[in-house]
Amino acid sequence: MAPLGFLMAIALTLASTACAQVFQENRLIANYLSGFGDFVRWEGVGATGQLPQTIAVLGNPSLLQELRDLSRRESENGAPQEIIATEWSLGQSLEGVGFLYIGAGYADRMQEILVEAKRSSTITVSSKPKFIEAGGLIQFLHVRNRLRFALNVDQSSEYGVHFSSKLIQISAPVPRSRVVGKGGRQ
């Protein structure tokens, strides 16, 4: 039988590896979110069609911190502050917010959140499975062990936004639920 200390060391190693993967994924998502604004045009927002790079986060404090750190690093490197990262709570207005990242735990309030986002022309983003099917606009997903994103181009006009053709080209295909037909075949 293996000593208890050895088993605890293995458990701690596995746990720290899982935490490192979450932090790495949040860093990738933060970088994606900070770059999406260059490839989106909002209707009725002056000649440029651009909103300030305000990114609101609901239910993912570590992603919010990663966005704030990214903004600070860019500022320290002399870049103008382009990212404003803020925490969002249910019931708050989304006016002036370009992107809303929706973390886990809000499935029962998803339609309410999406209605507010459409009203405010805020692009909704999540890593939640079936997010696009629920009416969200950008869904992060894993494809061949890589973090990718899919776009809900069909509903973007309901939000008053347009994705550039470049962004559409590099996006992953929209995940669709498999429908089981007669006889249990897919």
C-alpha atoms as a PDB file:
ATOM      1  CA  MET A   1       0.000   0.000   0.000  1.00  0.00           C
ATOM      2  CA  ALA A   2       1.307   3.450  -0.917  1.00  0.00           C
ATOM      3  CA  PRO A   3       2.122   5.839   1.897  1.00  0.00           C
ATOM      4  CA  LEU A   4      -0.556   8.434   2.623  1.00  0.00           C
ATOM      5  CA  GLY A   5       1.886  11.296   1.966  1.00  0.00           C
ATOM      6  CA  PHE A   6       2.594  10.015  -1.530  1.00  0.00           C
ATOM      7  CA  LEU A   7      -1.124   9.776  -2.347  1.00  0.00           C
ATOM      8  CA  MET A   8      -1.697  13.293  -1.013  1.00  0.00           C
ATOM      9  CA  ALA A   9       1.158  14.605  -3.153  1.00  0.00           C
ATOM     10  CA  ILE A  10      -0.383  13.030  -6.253  1.00  0.00           C
ATOM     11  CA  ALA A  11      -3.800  14.501  -5.376  1.00  0.00           C
ATOM     12  CA  LEU A  12      -2.303  17.970  -4.868  1.00  0.00           C
ATOM     13  CA  THR A  13      -0.400  17.721  -8.162  1.00  0.00           C
ATOM     14  CA  LEU A  14      -3.546  16.780 -10.048  1.00  0.00           C
ATOM     15  CA  ALA A  15      -5.523  19.566  -8.362  1.00  0.00           C
ATOM     16  CA  SER A  16      -2.856  22.183  -9.133  1.00  0.00           C
ATOM     17  CA  THR A  17      -2.730  21.010 -12.763  1.00  0.00           C
ATOM     18  CA  ALA A  18      -6.516  21.432 -13.045  1.00  0.00           C
ATOM     19  CA  CYS A  19      -6.300  24.929 -11.515  1.00  0.00           C
ATOM     20  CA  ALA A  20      -3.508  25.883 -13.913  1.00  0.00           C
ATOM     21  CA  GLN A  21      -5.645  24.771 -16.851  1.00  0.00           C
ATOM     22  CA  VAL A  22      -8.577  26.938 -15.662  1.00  0.00           C
ATOM     23  CA  PHE A  23      -6.304  29.966 -15.247  1.00  0.00           C
ATOM     24  CA  GLN A  24      -4.776  29.372 -18.675  1.00  0.00           C
ATOM     25  CA  GLU A  25      -8.233  29.066 -20.234  1.00  0.00           C
ATOM     26  CA  ASN A  26      -9.350  32.307 -18.558  1.00  0.00           C
ATOM     27  CA  ARG A  27      -6.253  34.048 -19.957  1.00  0.00           C
ATOM     28  CA  LEU A  28      -7.108  32.810 -23.454  1.00  0.00           C
ATOM     29  CA  ILE A  29     -10.751  33.885 -23.095  1.00  0.00           C
ATOM     30  CA  ALA A  30      -9.638  37.320 -21.856  1.00  0.00           C
ATOM     31  CA  ASN A  31      -7.405  37.732 -24.908  1.00  0.00           C
ATOM     32  CA  TYR A  32     -10.188  36.654 -27.247  1.00  0.00           C
ATOM     33  CA  LEU A  33     -12.649  39.057 -25.595  1.00  0.00           C
ATOM     34  CA  SER A  34     -10.221  41.969 -25.824  1.00  0.00           C
ATOM     35  CA  GLY A  35      -9.753  41.363 -29.552  1.00  0.00           C
ATOM     36  CA  PHE A  36     -13.348  40.668 -30.612  1.00  0.00           C
ATOM     37  CA  GLY A  37     -14.279  44.368 -30.617  1.00  0.00           C
ATOM     38  CA  ASP A  38     -12.063  44.988 -33.646  1.00  0.00           C
ATOM     39  CA  PHE A  39     -14.215  42.593 -35.676  1.00  0.00           C
ATOM     40  CA  VAL A  40     -17.706  43.701 -34.664  1.00  0.00           C
ATOM     41  CA  ARG A  41     -19.857  46.618 -35.814  1.00  0.00           C
ATOM     42  CA  TRP A  42     -22.768  47.867 -33.727  1.00  0.00           C
ATOM     43  CA  GLU A  43     -25.776  49.432 -35.450  1.00  0.00           C
ATOM     44  CA  GLY A  44     -26.568  53.063 -34.610  1.00  0.00           C
ATOM     45  CA  VAL A  45     -23.190  53.848 -33.009  1.00  0.00           C
ATOM     46  CA  GLY A  46     -21.806  56.684 -35.092  1.00  0.00           C
ATOM     47  CA  ALA A  47     -19.629  56.375 -38.164  1.00  0.00           C
ATOM     48  CA  THR A  48     -17.260  53.805 -36.689  1.00  0.00           C
ATOM     49  CA  GLY A  49     -19.918  51.417 -35.417  1.00  0.00           C
ATOM     50  CA  GLN A  50     -17.730  50.857 -32.343  1.00  0.00           C
ATOM     51  CA  LEU A  51     -18.628  50.842 -28.664  1.00  0.00           C
ATOM     52  CA  PRO A  52     -16.039  51.358 -25.933  1.00  0.00           C
ATOM     53  CA  GLN A  53     -14.312  48.070 -25.073  1.00  0.00           C
ATOM     54  CA  THR A  54     -16.380  47.528 -21.938  1.00  0.00           C
ATOM     55  CA  ILE A  55     -16.501  43.872 -21.019  1.00  0.00           C
ATOM     56  CA  ALA A  56     -18.849  42.880 -18.210  1.00  0.00           C
ATOM     57  CA  VAL A  57     -18.510  39.548 -16.432  1.00  0.00           C
ATOM     58  CA  LEU A  58     -21.230  37.627 -14.617  1.00  0.00           C
ATOM     59  CA  GLY A  59     -20.293  34.648 -12.471  1.00  0.00           C
ATOM     60  CA  ASN A  60     -16.571  34.253 -13.216  1.00  0.00           C
ATOM     61  CA  PRO A  61     -14.410  36.327 -10.835  1.00  0.00           C
ATOM     62  CA  SER A  62     -11.147  34.808 -12.070  1.00  0.00           C
ATOM     63  CA  LEU A  63     -11.929  35.842 -15.671  1.00  0.00           C
ATOM     64  CA  LEU A  64     -12.793  39.345 -14.462  1.00  0.00           C
ATOM     65  CA  GLN A  65      -9.408  39.541 -12.706  1.00  0.00           C
ATOM     66  CA  GLU A  66      -7.659  38.256 -15.825  1.00  0.00           C
ATOM     67  CA  LEU A  67      -9.324  41.001 -17.921  1.00  0.00           C
ATOM     68  CA  ARG A  68      -8.279  43.635 -15.375  1.00  0.00           C
ATOM     69  CA  ASP A  69      -4.716  42.309 -15.392  1.00  0.00           C
ATOM     70  CA  LEU A  70      -4.681  42.376 -19.202  1.00  0.00           C
ATOM     71  CA  SER A  71      -5.866  45.995 -19.182  1.00  0.00           C
ATOM     72  CA  ARG A  72      -3.184  46.919 -16.632  1.00  0.00           C
ATOM     73  CA  ARG A  73      -0.426  45.172 -18.641  1.00  0.00           C
ATOM     74  CA  GLU A  74      -1.475  46.971 -21.823  1.00  0.00           C
ATOM     75  CA  SER A  75      -1.501  50.303 -19.980  1.00  0.00           C
ATOM     76  CA  GLU A  76       1.965  49.637 -18.515  1.00  0.00           C
ATOM     77  CA  ASN A  77       3.254  48.935 -22.017  1.00  0.00           C
ATOM     78  CA  GLY A  78       2.090  52.358 -23.176  1.00  0.00           C
ATOM     79  CA  ALA A  79      -1.034  51.250 -25.021  1.00  0.00           C
ATOM     80  CA  PRO A  80      -4.117  53.377 -24.483  1.00  0.00           C
ATOM     81  CA  GLN A  81      -6.574  51.698 -22.146  1.00  0.00           C
ATOM     82  CA  GLU A  82      -8.931  49.927 -24.484  1.00  0.00           C
ATOM     83  CA  ILE A  83     -10.445  47.421 -22.069  1.00  0.00           C
ATOM     84  CA  ILE A  84     -12.761  48.339 -19.251  1.00  0.00           C
ATOM     85  CA  ALA A  85     -13.536  45.182 -17.275  1.00  0.00           C
ATOM     86  CA  THR A  86     -16.439  45.312 -14.866  1.00  0.00           C
ATOM     87  CA  GLU A  87     -18.520  42.919 -12.814  1.00  0.00           C
ATOM     88  CA  TRP A  88     -22.170  42.728 -13.802  1.00  0.00           C
ATOM     89  CA  SER A  89     -25.087  41.676 -11.623  1.00  0.00           C
ATOM     90  CA  LEU A  90     -28.583  40.602 -12.583  1.00  0.00           C
ATOM     91  CA  GLY A  91     -30.872  43.598 -12.779  1.00  0.00           C
ATOM     92  CA  GLN A  92     -28.149  46.077 -13.788  1.00  0.00           C
ATOM     93  CA  SER A  93     -28.358  47.898 -17.109  1.00  0.00           C
ATOM     94  CA  LEU A  94     -26.078  46.815 -19.946  1.00  0.00           C
ATOM     95  CA  GLU A  95     -26.182  50.197 -21.700  1.00  0.00           C
ATOM     96  CA  GLY A  96     -22.726  50.975 -23.105  1.00  0.00           C
ATOM     97  CA  VAL A  97     -21.430  47.446 -22.478  1.00  0.00           C
ATOM     98  CA  GLY A  98     -19.984  45.824 -25.588  1.00  0.00           C
ATOM     99  CA  PHE A  99     -19.644  42.280 -24.269  1.00  0.00           C
ATOM    100  CA  LEU A 100     -21.160  40.280 -21.418  1.00  0.00           C
ATOM    101  CA  TYR A 101     -19.446  37.043 -20.423  1.00  0.00           C
ATOM    102  CA  ILE A 102     -21.913  34.757 -18.630  1.00  0.00           C
ATOM    103  CA  GLY A 103     -20.371  32.200 -16.286  1.00  0.00           C
ATOM    104  CA  ALA A 104     -21.863  29.004 -14.923  1.00  0.00           C
ATOM    105  CA  GLY A 105     -24.912  28.944 -12.686  1.00  0.00           C
ATOM    106  CA  TYR A 106     -27.325  31.188 -14.581  1.00  0.00           C
ATOM    107  CA  ALA A 107     -29.258  28.684 -16.707  1.00  0.00           C
ATOM    108  CA  ASP A 108     -32.536  29.499 -14.959  1.00  0.00           C
ATOM    109  CA  ARG A 109     -32.116  33.235 -15.722  1.00  0.00           C
ATOM    110  CA  MET A 110     -30.570  32.906 -19.192  1.00  0.00           C
ATOM    111  CA  GLN A 111     -33.571  34.170 -21.182  1.00  0.00           C
ATOM    112  CA  GLU A 112     -33.895  37.224 -18.916  1.00  0.00           C
ATOM    113  CA  ILE A 113     -30.192  38.000 -19.416  1.00  0.00           C
ATOM    114  CA  LEU A 114     -30.384  37.550 -23.186  1.00  0.00           C
ATOM    115  CA  VAL A 115     -33.426  39.838 -23.464  1.00  0.00           C
ATOM    116  CA  GLU A 116     -31.561  42.615 -21.617  1.00  0.00           C
ATOM    117  CA  ALA A 117     -28.486  42.056 -23.798  1.00  0.00           C
ATOM    118  CA  LYS A 118     -30.520  42.310 -27.012  1.00  0.00           C
ATOM    119  CA  ARG A 119     -32.175  45.485 -25.769  1.00  0.00           C
ATOM    120  CA  SER A 120     -28.749  47.008 -25.079  1.00  0.00           C
ATOM    121  CA  SER A 121     -26.950  45.602 -28.167  1.00  0.00           C
ATOM    122  CA  THR A 122     -24.546  43.764 -25.877  1.00  0.00           C
ATOM    123  CA  ILE A 123     -22.805  40.721 -27.318  1.00  0.00           C
ATOM    124  CA  THR A 124     -23.319  37.717 -25.059  1.00  0.00           C
ATOM    125  CA  VAL A 125     -20.463  35.276 -24.573  1.00  0.00           C
ATOM    126  CA  SER A 126     -20.191  32.042 -22.594  1.00  0.00           C
ATOM    127  CA  SER A 127     -18.425  28.703 -22.346  1.00  0.00           C
ATOM    128  CA  LYS A 128     -21.698  27.089 -21.351  1.00  0.00           C
ATOM    129  CA  PRO A 129     -22.705  24.141 -23.566  1.00  0.00           C
ATOM    130  CA  LYS A 130     -25.665  24.884 -25.866  1.00  0.00           C
ATOM    131  CA  PHE A 131     -25.244  28.636 -25.277  1.00  0.00           C
ATOM    132  CA  ILE A 132     -25.758  29.454 -28.955  1.00  0.00           C
ATOM    133  CA  GLU A 133     -28.856  27.253 -29.059  1.00  0.00           C
ATOM    134  CA  ALA A 134     -30.221  29.301 -26.146  1.00  0.00           C
ATOM    135  CA  GLY A 135     -29.754  32.498 -28.191  1.00  0.00           C
ATOM    136  CA  GLY A 136     -26.280  33.643 -27.116  1.00  0.00           C
ATOM    137  CA  LEU A 137     -23.907  35.083 -29.714  1.00  0.00           C
ATOM    138  CA  ILE A 138     -20.429  33.701 -28.958  1.00  0.00           C
ATOM    139  CA  GLN A 139     -19.728  30.329 -27.397  1.00  0.00           C
ATOM    140  CA  PHE A 140     -16.277  29.118 -26.387  1.00  0.00           C
ATOM    141  CA  LEU A 141     -15.742  25.414 -26.930  1.00  0.00           C
ATOM    142  CA  HIS A 142     -12.973  22.870 -27.117  1.00  0.00           C
ATOM    143  CA  VAL A 143     -12.168  21.479 -30.545  1.00  0.00           C
ATOM    144  CA  ARG A 144      -9.328  18.950 -30.737  1.00  0.00           C
ATOM    145  CA  ASN A 145      -7.968  20.107 -27.355  1.00  0.00           C
ATOM    146  CA  ARG A 146      -7.916  23.763 -28.407  1.00  0.00           C
ATOM    147  CA  LEU A 147     -10.088  26.614 -27.219  1.00  0.00           C
ATOM    148  CA  ARG A 148     -12.161  27.906 -30.118  1.00  0.00           C
ATOM    149  CA  PHE A 149     -15.264  30.039 -30.480  1.00  0.00           C
ATOM    150  CA  ALA A 150     -18.453  29.690 -32.474  1.00  0.00           C
ATOM    151  CA  LEU A 151     -20.628  32.598 -33.630  1.00  0.00           C
ATOM    152  CA  ASN A 152     -24.397  32.820 -33.796  1.00  0.00           C
ATOM    153  CA  VAL A 153     -24.501  34.873 -36.988  1.00  0.00           C
ATOM    154  CA  ASP A 154     -28.214  34.079 -37.464  1.00  0.00           C
ATOM    155  CA  GLN A 155     -29.205  36.038 -34.355  1.00  0.00           C
ATOM    156  CA  SER A 156     -26.625  38.835 -34.471  1.00  0.00           C
ATOM    157  CA  SER A 157     -29.033  41.245 -36.200  1.00  0.00           C
ATOM    158  CA  GLU A 158     -31.491  40.790 -33.295  1.00  0.00           C
ATOM    159  CA  TYR A 159     -28.734  42.200 -31.063  1.00  0.00           C
ATOM    160  CA  GLY A 160     -28.012  45.033 -33.495  1.00  0.00           C
ATOM    161  CA  VAL A 161     -24.478  43.816 -34.225  1.00  0.00           C
ATOM    162  CA  HIS A 162     -22.606  42.520 -37.248  1.00  0.00           C
ATOM    163  CA  PHE A 163     -19.576  40.224 -37.208  1.00  0.00           C
ATOM    164  CA  SER A 164     -16.841  40.870 -39.767  1.00  0.00           C
ATOM    165  CA  SER A 165     -16.263  38.281 -42.449  1.00  0.00           C
ATOM    166  CA  LYS A 166     -12.749  37.717 -41.030  1.00  0.00           C
ATOM    167  CA  LEU A 167     -14.166  36.758 -37.628  1.00  0.00           C
ATOM    168  CA  ILE A 168     -16.740  34.491 -39.234  1.00  0.00           C
ATOM    169  CA  GLN A 169     -14.028  32.742 -41.277  1.00  0.00           C
ATOM    170  CA  ILE A 170     -11.904  31.831 -38.250  1.00  0.00           C
ATOM    171  CA  SER A 171     -14.820  30.764 -36.054  1.00  0.00           C
ATOM    172  CA  ALA A 172     -15.618  27.132 -35.375  1.00  0.00           C
ATOM    173  CA  PRO A 173     -18.812  25.624 -36.771  1.00  0.00           C
ATOM    174  CA  VAL A 174     -21.854  26.214 -34.594  1.00  0.00           C
ATOM    175  CA  PRO A 175     -22.378  23.205 -32.336  1.00  0.00           C
ATOM    176  CA  ARG A 176     -25.759  21.593 -32.888  1.00  0.00           C
ATOM    177  CA  SER A 177     -27.533  19.080 -30.696  1.00  0.00           C
ATOM    178  CA  ARG A 178     -27.753  15.630 -32.103  1.00  0.00           C
ATOM    179  CA  VAL A 179     -31.306  14.628 -32.704  1.00  0.00           C
ATOM    180  CA  VAL A 180     -32.068  11.028 -32.015  1.00  0.00           C
ATOM    181  CA  GLY A 181     -34.503   9.643 -34.548  1.00  0.00           C
ATOM    182  CA  LYS A 182     -36.551   6.494 -34.610  1.00  0.00           C
ATOM    183  CA  GLY A 183     -34.690   3.421 -33.532  1.00  0.00           C
ATOM    184  CA  GLY A 184     -32.233   5.439 -31.412  1.00  0.00           C
ATOM    185  CA  ARG A 185     -29.956   6.304 -34.354  1.00  0.00           C
ATOM    186  CA  GLN A 186     -28.301   9.656 -34.727  1.00  0.00           C
END
